[in-house]
C-alpha atoms as a PDB file:
ATOM      1  CA  MET A   1     -80.812 -23.930  -2.789  1.00  0.00           C
ATOM      2  CA  THR A   2     -77.423 -22.131  -3.406  1.00  0.00           C
ATOM      3  CA  ALA A   3     -74.899 -22.864  -0.737  1.00  0.00           C
ATOM      4  CA  LYS A   4     -73.800 -19.881   1.300  1.00  0.00           C
ATOM      5  CA  ALA A   5     -70.288 -18.675   1.033  1.00  0.00           C
ATOM      6  CA  PRO A   6     -68.125 -19.913   3.885  1.00  0.00           C
ATOM      7  CA  ILE A   7     -67.693 -17.451   6.785  1.00  0.00           C
ATOM      8  CA  PHE A   8     -64.359 -15.719   6.590  1.00  0.00           C
ATOM      9  CA  ILE A   9     -62.368 -13.181   8.557  1.00  0.00           C
ATOM     10  CA  ALA A  10     -60.531 -10.292   6.986  1.00  0.00           C
ATOM     11  CA  TYR A  11     -56.886 -11.034   7.831  1.00  0.00           C
ATOM     12  CA  PHE A  12     -54.927 -14.338   7.886  1.00  0.00           C
ATOM     13  CA  HIS A  13     -51.415 -15.505   7.486  1.00  0.00           C
ATOM     14  CA  PRO A  14     -50.624 -16.552   3.880  1.00  0.00           C
ATOM     15  CA  LEU A  15     -51.156 -20.246   3.304  1.00  0.00           C
ATOM     16  CA  LYS A  16     -48.007 -22.238   2.672  1.00  0.00           C
ATOM     17  CA  VAL A  17     -49.455 -24.320  -0.253  1.00  0.00           C
ATOM     18  CA  GLU A  18     -49.583 -22.624  -3.633  1.00  0.00           C
ATOM     19  CA  TYR A  19     -51.853 -23.629  -6.355  1.00  0.00           C
ATOM     20  CA  SER A  20     -51.811 -22.712 -10.091  1.00  0.00           C
ATOM     21  CA  ASP A  21     -54.715 -20.615 -11.318  1.00  0.00           C
ATOM     22  CA  THR A  22     -56.184 -23.516 -13.208  1.00  0.00           C
ATOM     23  CA  THR A  23     -56.100 -25.712 -10.059  1.00  0.00           C
ATOM     24  CA  ILE A  24     -57.609 -23.049  -7.996  1.00  0.00           C
ATOM     25  CA  ILE A  25     -60.596 -22.635 -10.328  1.00  0.00           C
ATOM     26  CA  THR A  26     -60.947 -26.250 -10.741  1.00  0.00           C
ATOM     27  CA  LEU A  27     -61.144 -26.823  -6.999  1.00  0.00           C
ATOM     28  CA  LEU A  28     -63.485 -23.868  -6.451  1.00  0.00           C
ATOM     29  CA  LYS A  29     -65.890 -25.270  -9.025  1.00  0.00           C
ATOM     30  CA  GLN A  30     -65.730 -28.497  -6.994  1.00  0.00           C
ATOM     31  CA  GLY A  31     -66.850 -26.530  -3.895  1.00  0.00           C
ATOM     32  CA  SER A  32     -63.436 -26.536  -1.963  1.00  0.00           C
ATOM     33  CA  GLU A  33     -63.994 -24.239   1.006  1.00  0.00           C
ATOM     34  CA  LYS A  34     -60.296 -24.545   1.871  1.00  0.00           C
ATOM     35  CA  VAL A  35     -59.180 -23.154  -1.505  1.00  0.00           C
ATOM     36  CA  PHE A  36     -61.853 -20.439  -1.336  1.00  0.00           C
ATOM     37  CA  GLU A  37     -60.444 -19.339   2.057  1.00  0.00           C
ATOM     38  CA  THR A  38     -56.935 -19.497   0.684  1.00  0.00           C
ATOM     39  CA  VAL A  39     -57.771 -17.022  -2.144  1.00  0.00           C
ATOM     40  CA  PHE A  40     -59.628 -14.772   0.260  1.00  0.00           C
ATOM     41  CA  LYS A  41     -56.657 -14.745   2.754  1.00  0.00           C
ATOM     42  CA  ASP A  42     -54.119 -14.121   0.099  1.00  0.00           C
ATOM     43  CA  HIS A  43     -55.925 -11.250  -1.732  1.00  0.00           C
ATOM     44  CA  PHE A  44     -58.224  -9.493   0.749  1.00  0.00           C
ATOM     45  CA  LYS A  45     -55.856  -6.832   2.084  1.00  0.00           C
ATOM     46  CA  ASN A  46     -54.787  -5.686  -1.458  1.00  0.00           C
ATOM     47  CA  LEU A  47     -58.309  -5.844  -2.888  1.00  0.00           C
ATOM     48  CA  HIS A  48     -59.580  -3.792   0.017  1.00  0.00           C
ATOM     49  CA  ALA A  49     -56.887  -1.175  -0.581  1.00  0.00           C
ATOM     50  CA  TYR A  50     -57.768  -1.238  -4.371  1.00  0.00           C
ATOM     51  CA  ALA A  51     -61.539  -0.825  -3.585  1.00  0.00           C
ATOM     52  CA  TYR A  52     -60.636   2.084  -1.068  1.00  0.00           C
ATOM     53  CA  THR A  53     -59.009   4.101  -3.934  1.00  0.00           C
ATOM     54  CA  PHE A  54     -62.497   4.339  -5.622  1.00  0.00           C
ATOM     55  CA  LEU A  55     -64.744   4.620  -2.486  1.00  0.00           C
ATOM     56  CA  LYS A  56     -62.530   6.478   0.025  1.00  0.00           C
ATOM     57  CA  ASP A  57     -64.254   4.540   2.844  1.00  0.00           C
ATOM     58  CA  ASP A  58     -62.933   1.545   4.772  1.00  0.00           C
ATOM     59  CA  GLU A  59     -66.235  -0.109   5.439  1.00  0.00           C
ATOM     60  CA  LEU A  60     -67.568   0.343   2.026  1.00  0.00           C
ATOM     61  CA  ALA A  61     -64.388  -1.067   0.526  1.00  0.00           C
ATOM     62  CA  GLU A  62     -64.613  -4.039   2.853  1.00  0.00           C
ATOM     63  CA  GLU A  63     -68.260  -4.657   1.879  1.00  0.00           C
ATOM     64  CA  VAL A  64     -67.449  -4.403  -1.829  1.00  0.00           C
ATOM     65  CA  VAL A  65     -64.716  -7.002  -1.516  1.00  0.00           C
ATOM     66  CA  GLN A  66     -66.987  -9.243   0.558  1.00  0.00           C
ATOM     67  CA  ASN A  67     -69.665  -8.993  -2.055  1.00  0.00           C
ATOM     68  CA  VAL A  68     -67.257  -9.959  -4.752  1.00  0.00           C
ATOM     69  CA  PHE A  69     -66.121 -13.124  -2.976  1.00  0.00           C
ATOM     70  CA  CYS A  70     -69.677 -14.050  -1.996  1.00  0.00           C
ATOM     71  CA  ARG A  71     -70.777 -13.760  -5.568  1.00  0.00           C
ATOM     72  CA  ILE A  72     -67.735 -15.826  -6.697  1.00  0.00           C
ATOM     73  CA  TRP A  73     -68.669 -18.607  -4.257  1.00  0.00           C
ATOM     74  CA  GLU A  74     -72.420 -18.555  -5.218  1.00  0.00           C
ATOM     75  CA  LYS A  75     -71.556 -18.709  -8.828  1.00  0.00           C
ATOM     76  CA  ARG A  76     -68.495 -20.821  -8.628  1.00  0.00           C
ATOM     77  CA  ASP A  77     -69.816 -23.402 -11.134  1.00  0.00           C
ATOM     78  CA  GLN A  78     -69.705 -20.628 -13.834  1.00  0.00           C
ATOM     79  CA  LEU A  79     -65.965 -19.982 -13.322  1.00  0.00           C
ATOM     80  CA  LYS A  80     -63.803 -20.511 -16.357  1.00  0.00           C
ATOM     81  CA  PRO A  81     -60.627 -22.581 -15.806  1.00  0.00           C
ATOM     82  CA  GLU A  82     -58.410 -20.249 -17.897  1.00  0.00           C
ATOM     83  CA  GLY A  83     -56.969 -16.824 -17.138  1.00  0.00           C
ATOM     84  CA  SER A  84     -55.408 -15.177 -13.907  1.00  0.00           C
ATOM     85  CA  VAL A  85     -57.298 -15.459 -10.694  1.00  0.00           C
ATOM     86  CA  LYS A  86     -55.665 -12.197  -9.390  1.00  0.00           C
ATOM     87  CA  ALA A  87     -56.672 -10.317 -12.546  1.00  0.00           C
ATOM     88  CA  TYR A  88     -60.263 -11.657 -12.306  1.00  0.00           C
ATOM     89  CA  LEU A  89     -60.576 -10.596  -8.631  1.00  0.00           C
ATOM     90  CA  TYR A  90     -59.203  -7.005  -9.315  1.00  0.00           C
ATOM     91  CA  ARG A  91     -61.502  -6.753 -12.314  1.00  0.00           C
ATOM     92  CA  SER A  92     -64.457  -7.786 -10.260  1.00  0.00           C
ATOM     93  CA  VAL A  93     -63.657  -5.380  -7.502  1.00  0.00           C
ATOM     94  CA  HIS A  94     -63.140  -2.576  -9.999  1.00  0.00           C
ATOM     95  CA  ASN A  95     -66.535  -3.247 -11.630  1.00  0.00           C
ATOM     96  CA  GLU A  96     -68.308  -3.635  -8.210  1.00  0.00           C
ATOM     97  CA  SER A  97     -66.740  -0.254  -6.998  1.00  0.00           C
ATOM     98  CA  LEU A  98     -67.838   1.516 -10.226  1.00  0.00           C
ATOM     99  CA  ASN A  99     -71.351   0.114 -10.092  1.00  0.00           C
ATOM    100  CA  TYR A 100     -71.707   1.403  -6.441  1.00  0.00           C
ATOM    101  CA  LEU A 101     -70.544   4.926  -7.387  1.00  0.00           C
ATOM    102  CA  LYS A 102     -72.900   4.927 -10.380  1.00  0.00           C
ATOM    103  CA  HIS A 103     -75.786   3.919  -8.261  1.00  0.00           C
ATOM    104  CA  GLN A 104     -74.946   6.787  -5.756  1.00  0.00           C
ATOM    105  CA  LYS A 105     -74.734   9.240  -8.549  1.00  0.00           C
ATOM    106  CA  VAL A 106     -78.160   8.178  -9.970  1.00  0.00           C
ATOM    107  CA  LYS A 107     -79.669   8.496  -6.505  1.00  0.00           C
ATOM    108  CA  ALA A 108     -78.081  12.012  -6.215  1.00  0.00           C
ATOM    109  CA  SER A 109     -79.560  12.955  -9.665  1.00  0.00           C
ATOM    110  CA  PHE A 110     -83.057  11.825  -8.484  1.00  0.00           C
ATOM    111  CA  ARG A 111     -82.820  13.815  -5.324  1.00  0.00           C
ATOM    112  CA  VAL A 112     -81.908  17.039  -7.305  1.00  0.00           C
ATOM    113  CA  TYR A 113     -84.468  16.532  -9.927  1.00  0.00           C
ATOM    114  CA  TYR A 114     -87.388  15.751  -7.513  1.00  0.00           C
ATOM    115  CA  ALA A 115     -86.199  18.436  -5.075  1.00  0.00           C
ATOM    116  CA  ASP A 116     -86.870  20.955  -8.011  1.00  0.00           C
ATOM    117  CA  GLU A 117     -90.145  19.266  -8.735  1.00  0.00           C
ATOM    118  CA  MET A 118     -91.243  19.590  -5.161  1.00  0.00           C
ATOM    119  CA  GLU A 119     -90.115  23.158  -5.014  1.00  0.00           C
ATOM    120  CA  ASN A 120     -92.286  23.973  -8.096  1.00  0.00           C
ATOM    121  CA  ALA A 121     -95.267  22.347  -6.497  1.00  0.00           C
ATOM    122  CA  SER A 122     -94.801  23.693  -2.998  1.00  0.00           C
ATOM    123  CA  ASN A 123     -98.300  25.281  -2.891  1.00  0.00           C
ATOM    124  CA  LEU A 124    -100.110  22.267  -4.227  1.00  0.00           C
ATOM    125  CA  SER A 125    -100.317  19.675  -1.518  1.00  0.00           C
ATOM    126  CA  SER A 126    -102.058  17.126  -3.723  1.00  0.00           C
ATOM    127  CA  GLU A 127     -99.331  17.458  -6.411  1.00  0.00           C
ATOM    128  CA  LYS A 128     -96.678  16.966  -3.690  1.00  0.00           C
ATOM    129  CA  VAL A 129     -98.347  13.540  -2.901  1.00  0.00           C
ATOM    130  CA  MET A 130     -98.423  12.498  -6.424  1.00  0.00           C
ATOM    131  CA  VAL A 131     -94.779  13.524  -7.035  1.00  0.00           C
ATOM    132  CA  ASN A 132     -93.741  11.587  -4.091  1.00  0.00           C
ATOM    133  CA  GLU A 133     -95.715   8.527  -5.014  1.00  0.00           C
ATOM    134  CA  LEU A 134     -94.282   8.694  -8.675  1.00  0.00           C
ATOM    135  CA  GLU A 135     -90.714   9.072  -7.301  1.00  0.00           C
ATOM    136  CA  LYS A 136     -91.068   6.013  -5.225  1.00  0.00           C
ATOM    137  CA  HIS A 137     -92.325   3.902  -7.940  1.00  0.00           C
ATOM    138  CA  ILE A 138     -89.765   5.132 -10.535  1.00  0.00           C
ATOM    139  CA  HIS A 139     -87.005   4.195  -8.078  1.00  0.00           C
ATOM    140  CA  GLN A 140     -88.590   0.735  -7.466  1.00  0.00           C
ATOM    141  CA  ALA A 141     -89.058   0.154 -11.162  1.00  0.00           C
ATOM    142  CA  ILE A 142     -85.382   0.965 -11.968  1.00  0.00           C
ATOM    143  CA  ASN A 143     -84.109  -1.190  -9.033  1.00  0.00           C
ATOM    144  CA  GLU A 144     -86.173  -4.091 -10.151  1.00  0.00           C
ATOM    145  CA  LEU A 145     -84.657  -4.197 -13.620  1.00  0.00           C
ATOM    146  CA  PRO A 146     -82.170  -7.016 -14.196  1.00  0.00           C
ATOM    147  CA  GLN A 147     -78.626  -5.824 -13.228  1.00  0.00           C
ATOM    148  CA  GLN A 148     -77.092  -5.476 -16.740  1.00  0.00           C
ATOM    149  CA  CYS A 149     -80.427  -3.844 -17.975  1.00  0.00           C
ATOM    150  CA  ARG A 150     -80.417  -1.393 -15.184  1.00  0.00           C
ATOM    151  CA  ILE A 151     -76.835  -0.519 -15.607  1.00  0.00           C
ATOM    152  CA  ILE A 152     -77.183   0.214 -19.286  1.00  0.00           C
ATOM    153  CA  PHE A 153     -80.492   2.184 -18.723  1.00  0.00           C
ATOM    154  CA  GLN A 154     -78.771   4.383 -16.181  1.00  0.00           C
ATOM    155  CA  LEU A 155     -75.702   4.934 -18.318  1.00  0.00           C
ATOM    156  CA  SER A 156     -77.945   5.998 -21.175  1.00  0.00           C
ATOM    157  CA  ARG A 157     -80.527   8.119 -19.265  1.00  0.00           C
ATOM    158  CA  PHE A 158     -78.436   9.558 -16.437  1.00  0.00           C
ATOM    159  CA  GLU A 159     -74.881   9.450 -17.756  1.00  0.00           C
ATOM    160  CA  HIS A 160     -76.138  10.541 -21.209  1.00  0.00           C
ATOM    161  CA  LEU A 161     -73.818   8.088 -22.938  1.00  0.00           C
ATOM    162  CA  LYS A 162     -74.289   6.992 -26.470  1.00  0.00           C
ATOM    163  CA  TYR A 163     -74.995   3.368 -27.233  1.00  0.00           C
ATOM    164  CA  GLN A 164     -71.472   2.876 -28.637  1.00  0.00           C
ATOM    165  CA  GLN A 165     -69.857   4.425 -25.644  1.00  0.00           C
ATOM    166  CA  ILE A 166     -71.886   2.069 -23.314  1.00  0.00           C
ATOM    167  CA  ALA A 167     -70.891  -0.972 -25.526  1.00  0.00           C
ATOM    168  CA  ASP A 168     -67.249   0.013 -25.346  1.00  0.00           C
ATOM    169  CA  GLN A 169     -67.347   0.581 -21.544  1.00  0.00           C
ATOM    170  CA  MET A 170     -69.198  -2.653 -20.701  1.00  0.00           C
ATOM    171  CA  GLY A 171     -67.428  -4.824 -23.416  1.00  0.00           C
ATOM    172  CA  LEU A 172     -70.676  -5.723 -25.165  1.00  0.00           C
ATOM    173  CA  SER A 173     -71.983  -5.399 -28.641  1.00  0.00           C
ATOM    174  CA  ILE A 174     -73.948  -2.305 -29.649  1.00  0.00           C
ATOM    175  CA  LYS A 175     -76.832  -4.772 -30.604  1.00  0.00           C
ATOM    176  CA  THR A 176     -76.838  -6.015 -27.103  1.00  0.00           C
ATOM    177  CA  ILE A 177     -77.053  -2.561 -25.795  1.00  0.00           C
ATOM    178  CA  GLU A 178     -79.954  -1.638 -28.049  1.00  0.00           C
ATOM    179  CA  ASN A 179     -81.744  -4.923 -27.049  1.00  0.00           C
ATOM    180  CA  GLN A 180     -81.217  -4.213 -23.330  1.00  0.00           C
ATOM    181  CA  MET A 181     -82.385  -0.656 -23.623  1.00  0.00           C
ATOM    182  CA  GLY A 182     -85.477  -1.746 -25.351  1.00  0.00           C
ATOM    183  CA  LYS A 183     -86.091  -4.375 -22.692  1.00  0.00           C
ATOM    184  CA  ALA A 184     -85.610  -1.774 -20.048  1.00  0.00           C
ATOM    185  CA  LEU A 185     -88.047   0.631 -21.542  1.00  0.00           C
ATOM    186  CA  LYS A 186     -90.606  -2.038 -21.962  1.00  0.00           C
ATOM    187  CA  LEU A 187     -90.354  -3.087 -18.359  1.00  0.00           C
ATOM    188  CA  MET A 188     -90.516   0.373 -17.142  1.00  0.00           C
ATOM    189  CA  ARG A 189     -93.664   1.161 -19.169  1.00  0.00           C
ATOM    190  CA  VAL A 190     -95.324  -2.017 -17.794  1.00  0.00           C
ATOM    191  CA  LYS A 191     -94.254  -1.232 -14.075  1.00  0.00           C
ATOM    192  CA  LEU A 192     -95.382   2.390 -14.352  1.00  0.00           C
ATOM    193  CA  ALA A 193     -98.425   1.844 -16.457  1.00  0.00           C
ATOM    194  CA  GLU A 194    -100.873   2.447 -13.581  1.00  0.00           C
ATOM    195  CA  PHE A 195     -99.142   5.892 -12.902  1.00  0.00           C
ATOM    196  CA  LEU A 196     -99.621   7.188 -16.416  1.00  0.00           C
ATOM    197  CA  THR A 197    -102.514   9.317 -15.282  1.00  0.00           C
ATOM    198  CA  ILE A 198    -100.376  10.958 -12.574  1.00  0.00           C
ATOM    199  CA  MET A 199     -97.565  11.683 -15.092  1.00  0.00           C
ATOM    200  CA  LEU A 200     -99.867  13.212 -17.585  1.00  0.00           C
ATOM    201  CA  PHE A 201    -101.375  15.454 -14.995  1.00  0.00           C
ATOM    202  CA  LEU A 202     -98.003  16.715 -13.739  1.00  0.00           C
ATOM    203  CA  LEU A 203     -96.979  17.466 -17.375  1.00  0.00           C
ATOM    204  CA  ILE A 204    -100.278  19.287 -18.126  1.00  0.00           C
ATOM    205  CA  SER A 205    -100.177  21.228 -14.787  1.00  0.00           C
ATOM    206  CA  ARG A 206     -96.762  22.757 -15.572  1.00  0.00           C
END
């Protein structure tokens, strides 16, 4: 079972002992709660302010930073002993903030799309039920995709980005993007197979 991240509070006085980036990462990989708290105390305030520039909400910014630190602790054995800890933290908060905003944008797109669907079917109560059911399962199918797979699918289908643009944005090869999209489409087909009849009915009834 993965050890839970140590409980921490948002604001502390800076610690007197300073470690090199290599030492910090080495000690984190060894499970040092003291070093983990040191990093949190030293960087939380500025990271919170950085997240706020994206999210414009104090609580959301705090949640994003907390999530980043929790993930670092949970996956500390995967940390690499080279590079700047500060740069890694800012990059992680940047990505976490953008992923949150993209998720909200996708949710908004679904609301608009299905609001139109519901309006067009306003006089057909049975169709309303089917649209609601389909919407629920599409949401669920997308949310159950692996994280990288889900982000690539959303960027392609809802942001309308080309594979090369997605590859450049995520720092991945275009082959990886193609493979992940193929995987996403295959998983979506499997998860929504039982609703094929409903989707066909909705298309034919238009």
